[in-house]
Amino acid sequence: MNISRQLDSLLQDFPNCETIAFADISTGLVLCSSTRKNMSRGQLDTLCAAAIELLDGKQTSFASATLDPGEHPKVQEALFMEDGLLNVFVRSSVVSTEALCCICVPEIEIDAFIDRACSELAKFDTD
């Protein structure tokens, strides 16, 4: 299955998710997306920029160093609320520069969604 179809399938299986973007957070590029509503390239780029800040940003590095001074693990997941929507960012466990950037309604089954997002990300490099 190609990435576009995997994103579409994830969006279909989680009706409380409105947007899923597959991004390279090392370059800030959205590589593929699936949405329930039209989103401009600028909106997708803003979503990707938020993922970069929350997964790799200066504050994230500082917090990781504070929590575990011996090792600086990468943040794998991040969530934040904006305009009544839940933004969910999940880093790939296979390729650390790849992530899913998602916009969901707060009622989403977050644990199930994140588990599935992680599973789909892991498949991207094995398909």
Protein backbone atom coordinates (compact mmCIF):
# COMPACT_ATOMS: atom_id res chain seq x y z
CA MET A 1 0.00 0.00 0.00
CA ASN A 2 1.40 3.43 -0.82
CA ILE A 3 1.69 6.25 1.72
CA SER A 4 -1.22 8.24 0.31
CA ARG A 5 -3.55 5.25 0.66
CA GLN A 6 -2.26 4.55 4.18
CA LEU A 7 -3.04 8.14 5.21
CA ASP A 8 -6.49 7.91 3.62
CA SER A 9 -7.15 4.64 5.45
CA LEU A 10 -6.06 6.11 8.78
CA LEU A 11 -8.29 9.14 8.23
CA GLN A 12 -11.23 6.88 7.32
CA ASP A 13 -10.74 4.65 10.37
CA PHE A 14 -10.63 7.64 12.74
CA PRO A 15 -13.55 9.96 11.90
CA ASN A 16 -12.48 12.36 14.66
CA CYS A 17 -9.28 13.08 12.77
CA GLU A 18 -9.57 15.90 10.23
CA THR A 19 -6.07 16.14 8.76
CA ILE A 20 -3.02 13.91 8.53
CA ALA A 21 0.22 15.10 6.96
CA PHE A 22 3.34 13.00 6.48
CA ALA A 23 6.35 15.26 6.87
CA ASP A 24 10.11 15.30 6.80
CA ILE A 25 10.83 17.35 9.91
CA SER A 26 14.51 17.73 9.05
CA THR A 27 13.60 19.82 6.00
CA GLY A 28 10.17 21.11 7.03
CA LEU A 29 8.48 19.56 4.00
CA VAL A 30 5.04 18.00 3.96
CA LEU A 31 5.46 15.03 1.64
CA CYS A 32 1.87 13.79 1.52
CA SER A 33 -1.43 14.60 3.21
CA SER A 34 -5.02 13.45 3.59
CA THR A 35 -7.71 15.85 4.80
CA ARG A 36 -11.46 16.05 5.28
CA LYS A 37 -11.42 19.74 4.38
CA ASN A 38 -9.32 21.77 1.99
CA MET A 39 -6.06 22.95 3.49
CA SER A 40 -3.66 25.27 1.75
CA ARG A 41 0.01 24.48 1.40
CA GLY A 42 0.66 27.29 3.88
CA GLN A 43 -1.60 25.68 6.50
CA LEU A 44 0.16 22.34 6.06
CA ASP A 45 3.54 24.06 6.32
CA THR A 46 2.42 25.73 9.57
CA LEU A 47 1.37 22.33 10.93
CA CYS A 48 4.78 20.92 9.99
CA ALA A 49 6.54 23.86 11.67
CA ALA A 50 4.63 23.12 14.87
CA ALA A 51 5.79 19.49 14.68
CA ILE A 52 9.38 20.61 14.30
CA GLU A 53 9.12 22.90 17.32
CA LEU A 54 7.40 20.32 19.52
CA LEU A 55 9.46 17.29 18.48
CA ASP A 56 12.87 18.90 17.87
CA GLY A 57 12.68 22.49 19.11
CA LYS A 58 14.93 24.25 21.60
CA GLN A 59 12.44 23.90 24.47
CA THR A 60 12.06 20.19 23.75
CA SER A 61 15.82 19.66 23.85
CA PHE A 62 16.04 21.59 27.11
CA ALA A 63 13.23 19.56 28.70
CA SER A 64 14.81 16.27 27.58
CA ALA A 65 18.17 17.29 29.01
CA THR A 66 16.54 18.31 32.30
CA LEU A 67 14.61 15.07 32.66
CA ASP A 68 17.50 12.79 31.71
CA PRO A 69 20.83 14.62 31.86
CA GLY A 70 22.81 11.55 30.79
CA GLU A 71 21.00 11.01 27.54
CA HIS A 72 18.95 13.20 25.20
CA PRO A 73 16.21 10.97 23.80
CA LYS A 74 14.09 12.32 20.98
CA VAL A 75 10.51 13.22 21.78
CA GLN A 76 8.31 10.66 20.01
CA GLU A 77 4.86 12.23 20.49
CA ALA A 78 3.52 15.67 21.23
CA LEU A 79 0.01 17.09 21.67
CA PHE A 80 -1.40 20.57 21.99
CA MET A 81 -4.79 22.26 21.77
CA GLU A 82 -5.37 25.16 19.40
CA ASP A 83 -8.67 26.73 18.41
CA GLY A 84 -10.59 23.85 20.01
CA LEU A 85 -8.73 21.19 18.02
CA LEU A 86 -6.12 18.70 19.18
CA ASN A 87 -2.86 18.77 17.23
CA VAL A 88 -1.09 15.41 17.39
CA PHE A 89 2.50 14.85 16.26
CA VAL A 90 4.06 11.39 16.09
CA ARG A 91 7.69 10.74 15.13
CA SER A 92 8.63 7.58 13.25
CA SER A 93 10.50 4.97 15.29
CA VAL A 94 12.22 3.83 12.09
CA VAL A 95 13.29 7.15 10.50
CA SER A 96 13.56 9.83 13.18
CA THR A 97 13.18 12.68 10.67
CA GLU A 98 9.73 11.53 9.58
CA ALA A 99 6.52 12.33 11.41
CA LEU A 100 2.77 12.44 11.11
CA CYS A 101 1.22 15.81 11.84
CA CYS A 102 -2.48 15.53 12.62
CA ILE A 103 -5.42 17.73 13.50
CA CYS A 104 -8.18 15.99 15.46
CA VAL A 105 -11.25 16.83 17.47
CA PRO A 106 -10.66 16.37 21.21
CA GLU A 107 -13.03 13.38 21.39
CA ILE A 108 -10.67 11.18 19.37
CA GLU A 109 -9.60 7.91 21.00
CA ILE A 110 -6.08 9.28 21.40
CA ASP A 111 -4.29 6.12 22.56
CA ALA A 112 -5.71 4.03 19.73
CA PHE A 113 -4.99 6.79 17.23
CA ILE A 114 -1.37 7.23 18.30
CA ASP A 115 -0.81 3.45 18.30
CA ARG A 116 -2.15 3.22 14.76
CA ALA A 117 -0.18 6.28 13.62
CA CYS A 118 3.04 4.72 14.95
CA SER A 119 2.22 1.46 13.20
CA GLU A 120 1.56 3.20 9.87
CA LEU A 121 4.76 5.23 10.12
CA ALA A 122 6.79 2.07 10.71
CA LYS A 123 5.30 0.55 7.55
CA PHE A 124 6.25 3.50 5.32
CA ASP A 125 9.86 2.37 5.10
CA THR A 126 9.10 -1.34 4.80
CA ASP A 127 6.50 -1.23 2.02
